[in-house]
Amino acid sequence: MRVAEILDLESVGIDCEDNDGMTSLHHAAGHGYERIILLLLRRQANIEAEDDRGRTPLICAAEGGQEGSLRVLLRRGAKIEAKDLNGHTAAHHAFVCGFKPVVHTLVQNGADVRSLSLLGKPALVYDRAMTMIDLLIRRRLEDQLVEISKVTILPLRLIPERRPKLCC
């Protein structure tokens, strides 16, 4: 049975949740199933649905390193500054996980890397965040690097490159 046929069944709710409060759209976004994302959105899936941790499908895409999913969701109107229960945006998750292409896409689409979490930290000061600074500089976004909670920012060449791992 195809996904579209399953969704046509009357007993299946488009925004039904699993035990963690995640919808099909969360799972599709976090695993990079762009065609399924489009299908779910055409069927009126809630693009801003929150799971039990307050994550939206956009945050799941960022956390999973799924740049294609991220692009689809942004084109369809996902809120780039949506925050989870800890106050983390998609940019926070992408920075922490070390997904440069995802960070690049978020920055190009207007993500505020100075947005503060509930702990008062902007995305730029998280664990792997410093490896992303060269991206901002190359994109001429130096203004987003000024006065970030008085944190010293090291030059990229002094920070070892880390292989991103799946955070979910």
Protein backbone atom coordinates (compact mmCIF):
# COMPACT_ATOMS: atom_id res chain seq x y z
CA MET A 1 0.00 0.00 0.00
CA ARG A 2 1.31 3.44 -0.91
CA VAL A 3 1.49 6.38 1.52
CA ALA A 4 -1.20 8.27 -0.41
CA GLU A 5 -3.55 5.27 -0.17
CA ILE A 6 -2.98 4.98 3.57
CA LEU A 7 -3.76 8.68 4.02
CA ASP A 8 -7.00 8.21 2.09
CA LEU A 9 -8.28 5.79 4.72
CA GLU A 10 -10.89 7.53 6.85
CA SER A 11 -9.51 6.12 10.10
CA VAL A 12 -6.14 7.80 9.69
CA GLY A 13 -5.85 11.34 11.05
CA ILE A 14 -3.28 13.44 9.18
CA ASP A 15 -1.91 14.87 12.42
CA CYS A 16 -2.15 11.77 14.62
CA GLU A 17 0.74 11.56 17.10
CA ASP A 18 3.01 8.80 18.31
CA ASN A 19 3.99 8.28 21.97
CA ASP A 20 6.38 11.25 21.78
CA GLY A 21 3.79 13.58 20.29
CA MET A 22 5.43 13.43 16.87
CA THR A 23 3.27 13.49 13.75
CA SER A 24 4.03 11.90 10.39
CA LEU A 25 5.27 15.31 9.27
CA HIS A 26 7.84 15.40 12.11
CA HIS A 27 9.15 11.98 11.10
CA ALA A 28 9.22 12.75 7.38
CA ALA A 29 11.05 16.04 7.99
CA GLY A 30 13.62 14.51 10.33
CA HIS A 31 14.43 11.71 7.90
CA GLY A 32 14.47 13.69 4.65
CA TYR A 33 11.35 12.32 2.95
CA GLU A 34 10.62 15.43 0.91
CA ARG A 35 7.94 13.88 -1.31
CA ILE A 36 6.06 12.65 1.75
CA ILE A 37 6.35 16.10 3.33
CA LEU A 38 4.73 17.62 0.25
CA LEU A 39 2.01 14.97 0.25
CA LEU A 40 1.26 15.55 3.94
CA LEU A 41 1.15 19.31 3.48
CA ARG A 42 -1.18 18.97 0.49
CA ARG A 43 -3.44 16.99 2.83
CA GLN A 44 -3.42 19.88 5.32
CA ALA A 45 -0.92 18.51 7.85
CA ASN A 46 -0.11 21.06 10.53
CA ILE A 47 3.27 22.53 9.55
CA GLU A 48 3.68 24.01 13.05
CA ALA A 49 2.65 20.91 15.04
CA GLU A 50 4.69 20.53 18.24
CA ASP A 51 5.82 17.23 19.72
CA ASP A 52 6.16 16.58 23.47
CA ARG A 53 9.43 18.54 23.50
CA GLY A 54 7.93 21.47 21.60
CA ARG A 55 9.78 20.66 18.37
CA THR A 56 8.17 21.56 15.07
CA PRO A 57 8.82 19.63 11.85
CA LEU A 58 11.29 22.38 10.86
CA ILE A 59 13.27 21.83 14.06
CA CYS A 60 13.26 18.06 13.41
CA ALA A 61 14.60 18.67 9.90
CA ALA A 62 17.40 20.88 11.29
CA GLU A 63 18.19 18.39 14.06
CA GLY A 64 18.33 15.56 11.52
CA GLY A 65 20.55 17.48 9.11
CA GLN A 66 17.91 17.33 6.39
CA GLU A 67 18.55 20.38 4.25
CA GLY A 68 16.06 19.32 1.56
CA SER A 69 13.28 18.89 4.11
CA LEU A 70 14.17 22.24 5.59
CA ARG A 71 13.91 23.97 2.22
CA VAL A 72 10.51 22.39 1.49
CA LEU A 73 9.13 23.41 4.88
CA LEU A 74 10.46 26.96 4.59
CA ARG A 75 8.98 27.35 1.10
CA ARG A 76 5.64 26.19 2.50
CA GLY A 77 5.70 28.78 5.29
CA ALA A 78 7.23 27.09 8.33
CA LYS A 79 8.18 29.61 11.00
CA ILE A 80 11.97 29.85 11.04
CA GLU A 81 12.09 31.25 14.59
CA ALA A 82 9.78 28.65 16.21
CA LYS A 83 11.21 27.49 19.55
CA ASP A 84 11.05 24.18 21.39
CA LEU A 85 10.34 23.92 25.13
CA ASN A 86 13.97 24.87 25.91
CA GLY A 87 13.75 27.96 23.74
CA HIS A 88 15.92 26.43 20.99
CA THR A 89 15.23 27.32 17.38
CA ALA A 90 16.06 25.25 14.31
CA ALA A 91 19.31 27.27 14.13
CA HIS A 92 20.25 26.19 17.68
CA HIS A 93 19.72 22.54 16.77
CA ALA A 94 21.63 22.79 13.49
CA PHE A 95 24.56 24.53 15.19
CA VAL A 96 24.73 22.00 18.03
CA CYS A 97 24.63 19.07 15.62
CA GLY A 98 27.21 20.65 13.32
CA PHE A 99 25.19 20.59 10.10
CA LYS A 100 26.77 23.36 8.01
CA PRO A 101 24.45 23.08 4.97
CA VAL A 102 21.42 23.34 7.26
CA VAL A 103 22.88 26.35 9.07
CA HIS A 104 23.65 27.92 5.69
CA THR A 105 20.07 27.45 4.52
CA LEU A 106 18.66 28.83 7.77
CA VAL A 107 20.92 31.91 7.68
CA GLN A 108 20.07 32.54 4.02
CA ASN A 109 16.39 32.41 4.93
CA GLY A 110 16.72 34.92 7.75
CA ALA A 111 17.32 32.84 10.88
CA ASP A 112 18.48 35.01 13.76
CA VAL A 113 21.60 33.32 15.15
CA ARG A 114 21.44 35.73 18.09
CA SER A 115 18.07 34.35 19.23
CA LEU A 116 18.39 33.31 22.88
CA SER A 117 17.40 29.98 24.40
CA LEU A 118 15.81 29.77 27.86
CA LEU A 119 19.37 29.54 29.24
CA GLY A 120 20.11 32.90 27.64
CA LYS A 121 22.48 31.50 25.01
CA PRO A 122 22.36 32.37 21.33
CA ALA A 123 22.79 29.62 18.74
CA LEU A 124 26.37 30.71 18.09
CA VAL A 125 27.72 29.70 21.49
CA TYR A 126 26.66 26.07 21.50
CA ASP A 127 29.15 23.20 21.41
CA ARG A 128 29.91 22.94 17.72
CA ALA A 129 28.76 26.44 16.92
CA MET A 130 32.17 27.97 16.55
CA THR A 131 32.84 25.86 13.46
CA MET A 132 30.00 27.78 11.79
CA ILE A 133 31.43 31.25 12.19
CA ASP A 134 33.36 31.08 8.92
CA LEU A 135 30.03 30.56 7.15
CA LEU A 136 28.64 33.78 8.59
CA ILE A 137 31.79 35.70 7.77
CA ARG A 138 31.91 34.39 4.20
CA ARG A 139 28.26 35.39 3.81
CA ARG A 140 29.17 38.86 5.09
CA LEU A 141 27.00 38.55 8.18
CA GLU A 142 29.61 39.89 10.59
CA ASP A 143 26.96 42.09 12.17
CA GLN A 144 25.37 38.94 13.63
CA LEU A 145 28.63 38.17 15.45
CA VAL A 146 28.94 41.36 17.50
CA GLU A 147 28.36 41.32 21.26
CA ILE A 148 27.08 37.78 21.61
CA SER A 149 26.77 37.56 25.39
CA LYS A 150 30.39 38.75 25.68
CA VAL A 151 31.67 35.38 24.42
CA THR A 152 35.08 35.28 22.83
CA ILE A 153 34.86 33.91 19.34
CA LEU A 154 37.91 31.96 18.19
CA PRO A 155 39.09 32.11 14.58
CA LEU A 156 37.87 29.08 12.67
CA ARG A 157 41.39 27.86 11.89
CA LEU A 158 41.93 27.21 15.62
CA ILE A 159 38.88 24.97 15.94
CA PRO A 160 39.08 21.37 14.72
CA GLU A 161 36.48 20.26 12.19
CA ARG A 162 34.02 17.74 13.61
CA ARG A 163 31.99 15.25 11.67
CA PRO A 164 28.30 15.89 12.26
CA LYS A 165 26.34 13.06 13.80
CA LEU A 166 22.63 12.56 13.80
CA CYS A 167 21.27 14.20 16.94
CA CYS A 168 17.88 12.49 17.05
